[in-house]
Amino acid sequence: MRNITYIARGVVLGNYWGGGRGYYKAEELRSNNLEELREEIGKKVDDGSLDSGMGYESLIGACMSITTREEKEIEGKTFINEESDIEFFDIDNKYQEEIIEILFEMI
């Protein structure tokens, strides 16, 4: 038996109502399909719903740590391997270093 799950945790960068910008923890998302997960993240950045309730005027983008979790059964025992990569969604280069620092503080 082999089971792969993709888990996205991260940070959004958003525009505050009345001016300014800030970071907030993103909604955690899961999927069995990596491309569908990426599409869902992109849609949630576009519609502003990835901010897990912060309520920004609009989202600028997100930095997500996407973990690939593979479970494999060998001779009756389940083994788990996890590997993570960082991906940016609509984040300009000028914000990337800053948002990575925030990401590691929040997750």
Protein backbone atom coordinates (compact mmCIF):
# COMPACT_ATOMS: atom_id res chain seq x y z
CA MET A 1 0.00 0.00 0.00
CA ARG A 2 1.25 3.48 -0.89
CA ASN A 3 -0.51 6.72 0.02
CA ILE A 4 0.65 10.25 -0.86
CA THR A 5 -0.81 13.40 0.67
CA TYR A 6 0.24 17.00 0.03
CA ILE A 7 -0.07 19.44 2.94
CA ALA A 8 0.29 23.21 2.47
CA ARG A 9 1.03 25.49 5.41
CA GLY A 10 2.14 29.05 5.06
CA VAL A 11 1.79 32.78 5.31
CA VAL A 12 -0.18 35.33 3.33
CA LEU A 13 0.81 38.92 2.64
CA GLY A 14 -2.18 41.22 2.55
CA ASN A 15 -3.29 44.83 2.29
CA TYR A 16 -4.88 46.19 5.46
CA TRP A 17 -8.12 48.15 5.24
CA GLY A 18 -7.11 51.81 5.32
CA GLY A 19 -3.52 51.24 4.20
CA GLY A 20 -0.42 49.27 5.01
CA ARG A 21 0.38 45.62 4.61
CA GLY A 22 1.02 42.68 6.89
CA TYR A 23 1.45 38.94 7.22
CA TYR A 24 -0.88 36.34 8.67
CA LYS A 25 -0.96 32.56 8.89
CA ALA A 26 -2.59 30.96 5.86
CA GLU A 27 -5.30 28.35 5.95
CA GLU A 28 -3.85 24.82 5.96
CA LEU A 29 -4.82 22.84 2.86
CA ARG A 30 -4.51 19.14 1.96
CA SER A 31 -4.89 17.19 -1.24
CA ASN A 32 -3.93 13.92 -2.87
CA ASN A 33 -3.08 15.82 -6.06
CA LEU A 34 -0.26 18.39 -6.08
CA GLU A 35 -1.47 20.34 -9.12
CA GLU A 36 -4.99 20.61 -7.70
CA LEU A 37 -3.50 21.85 -4.42
CA ARG A 38 -1.49 24.53 -6.22
CA GLU A 39 -4.60 25.60 -8.16
CA GLU A 40 -6.64 25.83 -4.96
CA ILE A 41 -3.95 27.98 -3.31
CA GLY A 42 -3.89 30.29 -6.34
CA LYS A 43 -7.68 30.64 -6.32
CA LYS A 44 -7.73 31.38 -2.59
CA VAL A 45 -5.06 34.06 -3.03
CA ASP A 46 -7.13 35.61 -5.83
CA ASP A 47 -10.43 35.58 -3.92
CA GLY A 48 -8.82 36.53 -0.58
CA SER A 49 -9.93 33.45 1.36
CA LEU A 50 -6.49 31.96 2.09
CA ASP A 51 -5.95 34.30 5.07
CA SER A 52 -7.78 31.98 7.52
CA GLY A 53 -10.08 34.74 8.69
CA MET A 54 -7.78 37.77 9.10
CA GLY A 55 -9.94 39.88 6.82
CA TYR A 56 -7.52 41.79 4.63
CA GLU A 57 -8.85 44.22 2.05
CA SER A 58 -6.98 42.09 -0.52
CA LEU A 59 -4.20 39.55 -0.59
CA ILE A 60 -0.91 40.32 -2.30
CA GLY A 61 0.24 36.70 -2.30
CA ALA A 62 1.41 33.75 -0.22
CA CYS A 63 4.46 31.73 0.69
CA MET A 64 3.59 28.09 1.32
CA SER A 65 5.58 25.17 2.63
CA ILE A 66 4.20 22.18 0.73
CA THR A 67 4.94 18.87 2.40
CA THR A 68 4.77 15.63 0.45
CA ARG A 69 3.81 12.90 2.91
CA GLU A 70 4.20 9.37 1.65
CA GLU A 71 3.01 6.38 3.62
CA LYS A 72 4.16 2.97 2.49
CA GLU A 73 3.40 -0.39 3.97
CA ILE A 74 6.22 -2.92 3.92
CA GLU A 75 5.78 -6.35 5.49
CA GLY A 76 2.90 -5.15 7.64
CA LYS A 77 4.63 -2.01 8.92
CA THR A 78 3.78 1.52 7.85
CA PHE A 79 6.68 3.83 7.03
CA ILE A 80 6.23 7.58 6.59
CA ASN A 81 8.49 9.92 4.64
CA GLU A 82 7.96 13.69 4.53
CA GLU A 83 9.71 16.20 2.32
CA SER A 84 8.91 19.92 2.09
CA ASP A 85 9.47 22.62 -0.51
CA ILE A 86 8.69 26.33 -0.36
CA GLU A 87 6.55 27.83 -3.13
CA PHE A 88 5.52 31.42 -3.77
CA PHE A 89 2.11 32.46 -5.07
CA ASP A 90 1.99 36.00 -6.52
CA ILE A 91 4.88 37.19 -4.31
CA ASP A 92 7.26 39.71 -5.91
CA ASN A 93 11.00 39.14 -5.47
CA LYS A 94 11.22 42.15 -3.14
CA TYR A 95 9.03 40.37 -0.54
CA GLN A 96 10.40 36.82 -0.85
CA GLU A 97 13.19 36.96 1.73
CA GLU A 98 10.99 38.75 4.25
CA ILE A 99 8.05 36.36 3.84
CA ILE A 100 10.29 33.28 4.20
CA GLU A 101 11.47 34.62 7.58
CA ILE A 102 7.85 35.12 8.66
CA LEU A 103 6.96 31.64 7.38
CA PHE A 104 9.52 29.95 9.61
CA GLU A 105 8.32 31.95 12.62
CA MET A 106 4.67 31.01 12.06
CA ILE A 107 4.69 27.34 11.10
